[in-house]
Amino acid sequence: ARQLSDWSRLPDLQRVIVSHGDIIANDAADG
């Protein structure tokens, strides 16, 4: 959870690419 929170605070996070499903491009940090 701490790691996910740290990633969510990256100031320039644009997207999260996951192996299963669609790229998370909208509100990646919020997710």
Full PDB file with SEQRES, HELIX, SHEET, SSBOND, CRYST1, ORIGX, SCALE, CONECT and MASTER records, all heavy atoms in Angstrom:
SEQRES   1 A   31  ALA ARG GLN LEU SER ASP TRP SER ARG LEU PRO ASP LEU          
SEQRES   2 A   31  GLN ARG VAL ILE VAL SER HIS GLY ASP ILE ILE ALA ASN          
SEQRES   3 A   31  ASP ALA ALA ASP GLY                                          
HELIX    1 AA1 ARG A    2  SER A    8  1                                   7    
CRYST1    1.000    1.000    1.000  90.00  90.00  90.00 P 1           1          
ORIGX1      1.000000  0.000000  0.000000        0.00000                         
ORIGX2      0.000000  1.000000  0.000000        0.00000                         
ORIGX3      0.000000  0.000000  1.000000        0.00000                         
SCALE1      1.000000  0.000000  0.000000        0.00000                         
SCALE2      0.000000  1.000000  0.000000        0.00000                         
SCALE3      0.000000  0.000000  1.000000        0.00000                         
ATOM      1  N   ALA A   1       0.833  -1.206   0.000  1.00  0.00           N  
ATOM      2  CA  ALA A   1       0.000   0.000   0.000  1.00  0.00           C  
ATOM      3  C   ALA A   1       0.866   1.253   0.000  1.00  0.00           C  
ATOM      4  O   ALA A   1       0.567   2.226  -0.707  1.00  0.00           O  
ATOM      5  CB  ALA A   1      -0.936  -0.010   1.205  1.00  0.00           C  
ATOM      6  N   ARG A   2       1.933   1.238   0.770  1.00  0.00           N  
ATOM      7  CA  ARG A   2       2.851   2.383   0.814  1.00  0.00           C  
ATOM      8  C   ARG A   2       3.472   2.626  -0.565  1.00  0.00           C  
ATOM      9  O   ARG A   2       3.572   3.758  -1.029  1.00  0.00           O  
ATOM     10  CB  ARG A   2       3.914   2.147   1.880  1.00  0.00           C  
ATOM     11  CG  ARG A   2       4.732   3.352   2.230  1.00  0.00           C  
ATOM     12  CD  ARG A   2       5.636   3.152   3.452  1.00  0.00           C  
ATOM     13  NE  ARG A   2       6.201   1.827   3.610  1.00  0.00           N  
ATOM     14  CZ  ARG A   2       5.818   0.921   4.529  1.00  0.00           C  
ATOM     15  NH1 ARG A   2       4.856   1.205   5.379  1.00  0.00           N  
ATOM     16  NH2 ARG A   2       6.408  -0.250   4.602  1.00  0.00           N  
ATOM     17  N   GLN A   3       3.863   1.541  -1.251  1.00  0.00           N  
ATOM     18  CA  GLN A   3       4.448   1.693  -2.586  1.00  0.00           C  
ATOM     19  C   GLN A   3       3.432   2.256  -3.572  1.00  0.00           C  
ATOM     20  O   GLN A   3       3.739   3.160  -4.349  1.00  0.00           O  
ATOM     21  CB  GLN A   3       4.981   0.358  -3.099  1.00  0.00           C  
ATOM     22  CG  GLN A   3       5.613   0.444  -4.479  1.00  0.00           C  
ATOM     23  CD  GLN A   3       6.847   1.321  -4.493  1.00  0.00           C  
ATOM     24  OE1 GLN A   3       7.896   0.903  -4.035  1.00  0.00           O  
ATOM     25  NE2 GLN A   3       6.727   2.529  -5.006  1.00  0.00           N  
ATOM     26  N   LEU A   4       2.210   1.743  -3.541  1.00  0.00           N  
ATOM     27  CA  LEU A   4       1.169   2.266  -4.419  1.00  0.00           C  
ATOM     28  C   LEU A   4       0.903   3.748  -4.135  1.00  0.00           C  
ATOM     29  O   LEU A   4       0.744   4.545  -5.070  1.00  0.00           O  
ATOM     30  CB  LEU A   4      -0.121   1.454  -4.260  1.00  0.00           C  
ATOM     31  CG  LEU A   4      -0.069   0.003  -4.729  1.00  0.00           C  
ATOM     32  CD1 LEU A   4      -1.326  -0.740  -4.286  1.00  0.00           C  
ATOM     33  CD2 LEU A   4       0.121  -0.093  -6.225  1.00  0.00           C  
ATOM     34  N   SER A   5       0.875   4.109  -2.865  1.00  0.00           N  
ATOM     35  CA  SER A   5       0.681   5.516  -2.493  1.00  0.00           C  
ATOM     36  C   SER A   5       1.825   6.383  -2.999  1.00  0.00           C  
ATOM     37  O   SER A   5       1.597   7.489  -3.507  1.00  0.00           O  
ATOM     38  CB  SER A   5       0.566   5.662  -0.975  1.00  0.00           C  
ATOM     39  OG  SER A   5      -0.619   5.089  -0.508  1.00  0.00           O  
ATOM     40  N   ASP A   6       3.053   5.887  -2.855  1.00  0.00           N  
ATOM     41  CA  ASP A   6       4.214   6.634  -3.355  1.00  0.00           C  
ATOM     42  C   ASP A   6       4.101   6.862  -4.859  1.00  0.00           C  
ATOM     43  O   ASP A   6       4.337   7.960  -5.351  1.00  0.00           O  
ATOM     44  CB  ASP A   6       5.523   5.904  -3.037  1.00  0.00           C  
ATOM     45  CG  ASP A   6       5.885   5.938  -1.563  1.00  0.00           C  
ATOM     46  OD1 ASP A   6       5.244   6.692  -0.784  1.00  0.00           O  
ATOM     47  OD2 ASP A   6       6.803   5.182  -1.171  1.00  0.00           O  
ATOM     48  N   TRP A   7       3.743   5.794  -5.585  1.00  0.00           N  
ATOM     49  CA  TRP A   7       3.580   5.953  -7.029  1.00  0.00           C  
ATOM     50  C   TRP A   7       2.464   6.929  -7.361  1.00  0.00           C  
ATOM     51  O   TRP A   7       2.562   7.690  -8.316  1.00  0.00           O  
ATOM     52  CB  TRP A   7       3.303   4.610  -7.683  1.00  0.00           C  
ATOM     53  CG  TRP A   7       4.506   3.725  -7.818  1.00  0.00           C  
ATOM     54  CD1 TRP A   7       5.816   4.109  -7.976  1.00  0.00           C  
ATOM     55  CD2 TRP A   7       4.525   2.303  -7.824  1.00  0.00           C  
ATOM     56  NE1 TRP A   7       6.627   3.009  -8.080  1.00  0.00           N  
ATOM     57  CE2 TRP A   7       5.861   1.878  -7.994  1.00  0.00           C  
ATOM     58  CE3 TRP A   7       3.530   1.329  -7.709  1.00  0.00           C  
ATOM     59  CZ2 TRP A   7       6.229   0.549  -8.054  1.00  0.00           C  
ATOM     60  CZ3 TRP A   7       3.893   0.000  -7.763  1.00  0.00           C  
ATOM     61  CH2 TRP A   7       5.233  -0.385  -7.939  1.00  0.00           C  
ATOM     62  N   SER A   8       1.404   6.936  -6.562  1.00  0.00           N  
ATOM     63  CA  SER A   8       0.277   7.832  -6.847  1.00  0.00           C  
ATOM     64  C   SER A   8       0.659   9.300  -6.700  1.00  0.00           C  
ATOM     65  O   SER A   8      -0.009  10.169  -7.257  1.00  0.00           O  
ATOM     66  CB  SER A   8      -0.916   7.512  -5.940  1.00  0.00           C  
ATOM     67  OG  SER A   8      -0.732   8.020  -4.631  1.00  0.00           O  
ATOM     68  N   ARG A   9       1.734   9.560  -5.977  1.00  0.00           N  
ATOM     69  CA  ARG A   9       2.170  10.942  -5.768  1.00  0.00           C  
ATOM     70  C   ARG A   9       3.267  11.387  -6.735  1.00  0.00           C  
ATOM     71  O   ARG A   9       3.786  12.491  -6.606  1.00  0.00           O  
ATOM     72  CB  ARG A   9       2.627  11.113  -4.320  1.00  0.00           C  
ATOM     73  CG  ARG A   9       1.469  11.059  -3.334  1.00  0.00           C  
ATOM     74  CD  ARG A   9       1.887  11.463  -1.925  1.00  0.00           C  
ATOM     75  NE  ARG A   9       2.893  10.587  -1.364  1.00  0.00           N  
ATOM     76  CZ  ARG A   9       2.649   9.449  -0.713  1.00  0.00           C  
ATOM     77  NH1 ARG A   9       1.403   9.037  -0.563  1.00  0.00           N  
ATOM     78  NH2 ARG A   9       3.627   8.731  -0.214  1.00  0.00           N  
ATOM     79  N   LEU A  10       3.609  10.550  -7.693  1.00  0.00           N  
ATOM     80  CA  LEU A  10       4.587  10.978  -8.694  1.00  0.00           C  
ATOM     81  C   LEU A  10       3.998  12.172  -9.448  1.00  0.00           C  
ATOM     82  O   LEU A  10       2.911  12.074 -10.021  1.00  0.00           O  
ATOM     83  CB  LEU A  10       4.904   9.850  -9.673  1.00  0.00           C  
ATOM     84  CG  LEU A  10       5.688   8.672  -9.113  1.00  0.00           C  
ATOM     85  CD1 LEU A  10       5.698   7.517 -10.122  1.00  0.00           C  
ATOM     86  CD2 LEU A  10       7.116   9.103  -8.784  1.00  0.00           C  
ATOM     87  N   PRO A  11       4.682  13.307  -9.453  1.00  0.00           N  
ATOM     88  CA  PRO A  11       4.083  14.518 -10.027  1.00  0.00           C  
ATOM     89  C   PRO A  11       3.841  14.444 -11.534  1.00  0.00           C  
ATOM     90  O   PRO A  11       2.984  15.132 -12.054  1.00  0.00           O  
ATOM     91  CB  PRO A  11       5.101  15.608  -9.699  1.00  0.00           C  
ATOM     92  CG  PRO A  11       6.374  14.901  -9.424  1.00  0.00           C  
ATOM     93  CD  PRO A  11       6.010  13.532  -8.910  1.00  0.00           C  
ATOM     94  N   ASP A  12       4.561  13.596 -12.230  1.00  0.00           N  
ATOM     95  CA  ASP A  12       4.425  13.545 -13.687  1.00  0.00           C  
ATOM     96  C   ASP A  12       3.893  12.202 -14.188  1.00  0.00           C  
ATOM     97  O   ASP A  12       4.072  11.851 -15.349  1.00  0.00           O  
ATOM     98  CB  ASP A  12       5.754  13.861 -14.346  1.00  0.00           C  
ATOM     99  CG  ASP A  12       6.865  12.899 -13.916  1.00  0.00           C  
ATOM    100  OD1 ASP A  12       6.657  12.139 -12.947  1.00  0.00           O  
ATOM    101  OD2 ASP A  12       7.938  12.902 -14.542  1.00  0.00           O  
ATOM    102  N   LEU A  13       3.185  11.455 -13.316  1.00  0.00           N  
ATOM    103  CA  LEU A  13       2.638  10.152 -13.717  1.00  0.00           C  
ATOM    104  C   LEU A  13       1.566  10.359 -14.789  1.00  0.00           C  
ATOM    105  O   LEU A  13       0.578  11.054 -14.567  1.00  0.00           O  
ATOM    106  CB  LEU A  13       2.043   9.418 -12.515  1.00  0.00           C  
ATOM    107  CG  LEU A  13       1.454   8.042 -12.816  1.00  0.00           C  
ATOM    108  CD1 LEU A  13       2.557   7.064 -13.243  1.00  0.00           C  
ATOM    109  CD2 LEU A  13       0.725   7.506 -11.592  1.00  0.00           C  
ATOM    110  N   GLN A  14       1.775   9.769 -15.942  1.00  0.00           N  
ATOM    111  CA  GLN A  14       0.844   9.915 -17.058  1.00  0.00           C  
ATOM    112  C   GLN A  14      -0.037   8.696 -17.262  1.00  0.00           C  
ATOM    113  O   GLN A  14      -1.181   8.821 -17.675  1.00  0.00           O  
ATOM    114  CB  GLN A  14       1.617  10.178 -18.357  1.00  0.00           C  
ATOM    115  CG  GLN A  14       2.403  11.447 -18.323  1.00  0.00           C  
ATOM    116  CD  GLN A  14       1.516  12.666 -18.148  1.00  0.00           C  
ATOM    117  OE1 GLN A  14       0.542  12.833 -18.866  1.00  0.00           O  
ATOM    118  NE2 GLN A  14       1.824  13.505 -17.176  1.00  0.00           N  
ATOM    119  N   ARG A  15       0.529   7.509 -16.983  1.00  0.00           N  
ATOM    120  CA  ARG A  15      -0.212   6.289 -17.279  1.00  0.00           C  
ATOM    121  C   ARG A  15       0.348   5.122 -16.495  1.00  0.00           C  
ATOM    122  O   ARG A  15       1.495   5.142 -16.080  1.00  0.00           O  
ATOM    123  CB  ARG A  15      -0.176   5.980 -18.773  1.00  0.00           C  
ATOM    124  CG  ARG A  15       1.158   5.529 -19.292  1.00  0.00           C  
ATOM    125  CD  ARG A  15       1.344   5.663 -20.781  1.00  0.00           C  
ATOM    126  NE  ARG A  15       1.192   7.000 -21.287  1.00  0.00           N  
ATOM    127  CZ  ARG A  15       2.132   7.956 -21.223  1.00  0.00           C  
ATOM    128  NH1 ARG A  15       3.289   7.711 -20.660  1.00  0.00           N  
ATOM    129  NH2 ARG A  15       1.901   9.142 -21.728  1.00  0.00           N  
ATOM    130  N   VAL A  16      -0.501   4.110 -16.316  1.00  0.00           N  
ATOM    131  CA  VAL A  16      -0.087   2.836 -15.745  1.00  0.00           C  
ATOM    132  C   VAL A  16      -0.438   1.773 -16.784  1.00  0.00           C  
ATOM    133  O   VAL A  16      -1.593   1.649 -17.187  1.00  0.00           O  
ATOM    134  CB  VAL A  16      -0.794   2.531 -14.410  1.00  0.00           C  
ATOM    135  CG1 VAL A  16      -0.360   1.177 -13.877  1.00  0.00           C  
ATOM    136  CG2 VAL A  16      -0.517   3.632 -13.385  1.00  0.00           C  
ATOM    137  N   ILE A  17       0.568   1.039 -17.213  1.00  0.00           N  
ATOM    138  CA  ILE A  17       0.352  -0.056 -18.153  1.00  0.00           C  
ATOM    139  C   ILE A  17       0.292  -1.333 -17.330  1.00  0.00           C  
ATOM    140  O   ILE A  17       1.195  -1.614 -16.551  1.00  0.00           O  
ATOM    141  CB  ILE A  17       1.477  -0.125 -19.197  1.00  0.00           C  
ATOM    142  CG1 ILE A  17       1.502   1.169 -20.026  1.00  0.00           C  
ATOM    143  CG2 ILE A  17       1.291  -1.348 -20.102  1.00  0.00           C  
ATOM    144  CD1 ILE A  17       2.651   1.260 -21.010  1.00  0.00           C  
ATOM    145  N   VAL A  18      -0.793  -2.076 -17.503  1.00  0.00           N  
ATOM    146  CA  VAL A  18      -0.989  -3.313 -16.758  1.00  0.00           C  
ATOM    147  C   VAL A  18      -0.983  -4.487 -17.728  1.00  0.00           C  
ATOM    148  O   VAL A  18      -1.313  -4.340 -18.905  1.00  0.00           O  
ATOM    149  CB  VAL A  18      -2.304  -3.273 -15.947  1.00  0.00           C  
ATOM    150  CG1 VAL A  18      -2.247  -2.210 -14.867  1.00  0.00           C  
ATOM    151  CG2 VAL A  18      -3.508  -3.038 -16.842  1.00  0.00           C  
ATOM    152  N   SER A  19      -0.617  -5.654 -17.231  1.00  0.00           N  
ATOM    153  CA  SER A  19      -0.605  -6.849 -18.074  1.00  0.00           C  
ATOM    154  C   SER A  19      -2.004  -7.344 -18.403  1.00  0.00           C  
ATOM    155  O   SER A  19      -2.206  -7.997 -19.416  1.00  0.00           O  
ATOM    156  CB  SER A  19       0.163  -7.975 -17.383  1.00  0.00           C  
ATOM    157  OG  SER A  19       1.515  -7.650 -17.281  1.00  0.00           O  
ATOM    158  N   HIS A  20      -2.946  -7.030 -17.526  1.00  0.00           N  
ATOM    159  CA  HIS A  20      -4.308  -7.534 -17.698  1.00  0.00           C  
ATOM    160  C   HIS A  20      -5.277  -6.373 -17.824  1.00  0.00           C  
ATOM    161  O   HIS A  20      -5.647  -5.757 -16.831  1.00  0.00           O  
ATOM    162  CB  HIS A  20      -4.703  -8.425 -16.516  1.00  0.00           C  
ATOM    163  CG  HIS A  20      -3.765  -9.579 -16.331  1.00  0.00           C  
ATOM    164  ND1 HIS A  20      -3.785 -10.686 -17.146  1.00  0.00           N  
ATOM    165  CD2 HIS A  20      -2.757  -9.773 -15.454  1.00  0.00           C  
ATOM    166  CE1 HIS A  20      -2.839 -11.525 -16.769  1.00  0.00           C  
ATOM    167  NE2 HIS A  20      -2.200 -10.992 -15.741  1.00  0.00           N  
ATOM    168  N   GLY A  21      -5.652  -6.068 -19.053  1.00  0.00           N  
ATOM    169  CA  GLY A  21      -6.641  -5.034 -19.284  1.00  0.00           C  
ATOM    170  C   GLY A  21      -6.084  -3.813 -19.972  1.00  0.00           C  
ATOM    171  O   GLY A  21      -4.982  -3.821 -20.527  1.00  0.00           O  
ATOM    172  N   ASP A  22      -6.877  -2.769 -19.912  1.00  0.00           N  
ATOM    173  CA  ASP A  22      -6.551  -1.531 -20.609  1.00  0.00           C  
ATOM    174  C   ASP A  22      -5.540  -0.686 -19.843  1.00  0.00           C  
ATOM    175  O   ASP A  22      -5.474  -0.735 -18.610  1.00  0.00           O  
ATOM    176  CB  ASP A  22      -7.829  -0.703 -20.807  1.00  0.00           C  
ATOM    177  CG  ASP A  22      -8.842  -1.394 -21.702  1.00  0.00           C  
ATOM    178  OD1 ASP A  22      -8.424  -2.129 -22.617  1.00  0.00           O  
ATOM    179  OD2 ASP A  22     -10.051  -1.193 -21.471  1.00  0.00           O  
ATOM    180  N   ILE A  23      -4.796   0.095 -20.583  1.00  0.00           N  
ATOM    181  CA  ILE A  23      -3.879   1.072 -19.989  1.00  0.00           C  
ATOM    182  C   ILE A  23      -4.704   2.045 -19.159  1.00  0.00           C  
ATOM    183  O   ILE A  23      -5.783   2.476 -19.577  1.00  0.00           O  
ATOM    184  CB  ILE A  23      -3.101   1.811 -21.089  1.00  0.00           C  
ATOM    185  CG1 ILE A  23      -2.151   0.839 -21.788  1.00  0.00           C  
ATOM    186  CG2 ILE A  23      -2.349   3.012 -20.516  1.00  0.00           C  
ATOM    187  CD1 ILE A  23      -1.473   1.418 -23.027  1.00  0.00           C  
ATOM    188  N   ILE A  24      -4.191   2.398 -18.001  1.00  0.00           N  
ATOM    189  CA  ILE A  24      -4.857   3.373 -17.145  1.00  0.00           C  
ATOM    190  C   ILE A  24      -4.237   4.723 -17.457  1.00  0.00           C  
ATOM    191  O   ILE A  24      -3.120   5.029 -17.036  1.00  0.00           O  
ATOM    192  CB  ILE A  24      -4.677   3.015 -15.652  1.00  0.00           C  
ATOM    193  CG1 ILE A  24      -5.169   1.599 -15.388  1.00  0.00           C  
ATOM    194  CG2 ILE A  24      -5.409   4.031 -14.773  1.00  0.00           C  
ATOM    195  CD1 ILE A  24      -4.717   1.029 -14.050  1.00  0.00           C  
ATOM    196  N   ALA A  25      -4.943   5.505 -18.267  1.00  0.00           N  
ATOM    197  CA  ALA A  25      -4.408   6.784 -18.710  1.00  0.00           C  
ATOM    198  C   ALA A  25      -5.135   7.966 -18.072  1.00  0.00           C  
ATOM    199  O   ALA A  25      -4.592   9.057 -17.996  1.00  0.00           O  
ATOM    200  CB  ALA A  25      -4.481   6.890 -20.234  1.00  0.00           C  
ATOM    201  N   ASN A  26      -6.344   7.739 -17.621  1.00  0.00           N  
ATOM    202  CA  ASN A  26      -7.113   8.797 -16.967  1.00  0.00           C  
ATOM    203  C   ASN A  26      -7.109   8.563 -15.469  1.00  0.00           C  
ATOM    204  O   ASN A  26      -7.472   7.484 -15.013  1.00  0.00           O  
ATOM    205  CB  ASN A  26      -8.557   8.811 -17.480  1.00  0.00           C  
ATOM    206  CG  ASN A  26      -8.622   9.144 -18.950  1.00  0.00           C  
ATOM    207  OD1 ASN A  26      -7.861   9.965 -19.436  1.00  0.00           O  
ATOM    208  ND2 ASN A  26      -9.519   8.485 -19.661  1.00  0.00           N  
ATOM    209  N   ASP A  27      -6.692   9.556 -14.724  1.00  0.00           N  
ATOM    210  CA  ASP A  27      -6.702   9.487 -13.263  1.00  0.00           C  
ATOM    211  C   ASP A  27      -5.881   8.324 -12.719  1.00  0.00           C  
ATOM    212  O   ASP A  27      -6.284   7.653 -11.762  1.00  0.00           O  
ATOM    213  CB  ASP A  27      -8.138   9.403 -12.729  1.00  0.00           C  
ATOM    214  CG  ASP A  27      -8.984  10.573 -13.171  1.00  0.00           C  
ATOM    215  OD1 ASP A  27      -8.451  11.708 -13.174  1.00  0.00           O  
ATOM    216  OD2 ASP A  27     -10.158  10.376 -13.512  1.00  0.00           O  
ATOM    217  N   ALA A  28      -4.726   8.066 -13.334  1.00  0.00           N  
ATOM    218  CA  ALA A  28      -3.863   6.961 -12.891  1.00  0.00           C  
ATOM    219  C   ALA A  28      -3.482   7.127 -11.425  1.00  0.00           C  
ATOM    220  O   ALA A  28      -3.515   6.161 -10.658  1.00  0.00           O  
ATOM    221  CB  ALA A  28      -2.623   6.870 -13.772  1.00  0.00           C  
ATOM    222  N   ALA A  29      -3.135   8.334 -11.033  1.00  0.00           N  
ATOM    223  CA  ALA A  29      -2.726   8.579  -9.650  1.00  0.00           C  
ATOM    224  C   ALA A  29      -3.878   8.300  -8.682  1.00  0.00           C  
ATOM    225  O   ALA A  29      -3.686   7.677  -7.632  1.00  0.00           O  
ATOM    226  CB  ALA A  29      -2.228  10.007  -9.486  1.00  0.00           C  
ATOM    227  N   ASP A  30      -5.082   8.747  -9.036  1.00  0.00           N  
ATOM    228  CA  ASP A  30      -6.245   8.514  -8.178  1.00  0.00           C  
ATOM    229  C   ASP A  30      -6.516   7.024  -8.020  1.00  0.00           C  
ATOM    230  O   ASP A  30      -6.841   6.547  -6.935  1.00  0.00           O  
ATOM    231  CB  ASP A  30      -7.484   9.209  -8.730  1.00  0.00           C  
ATOM    232  CG  ASP A  30      -7.401  10.723  -8.628  1.00  0.00           C  
ATOM    233  OD1 ASP A  30      -6.576  11.222  -7.845  1.00  0.00           O  
ATOM    234  OD2 ASP A  30      -8.166  11.395  -9.343  1.00  0.00           O  
ATOM    235  N   GLY A  31      -6.389   6.279  -9.118  1.00  0.00           N  
ATOM    236  CA  GLY A  31      -6.621   4.837  -9.066  1.00  0.00           C  
ATOM    237  C   GLY A  31      -5.629   4.140  -8.153  1.00  0.00           C  
ATOM    238  O   GLY A  31      -6.001   3.282  -7.349  1.00  0.00           O  
TER     239      GLY A  31                                                      
MASTER        0    0    0    1    0    0    0    6  238    1    0    3          
END                                                                             
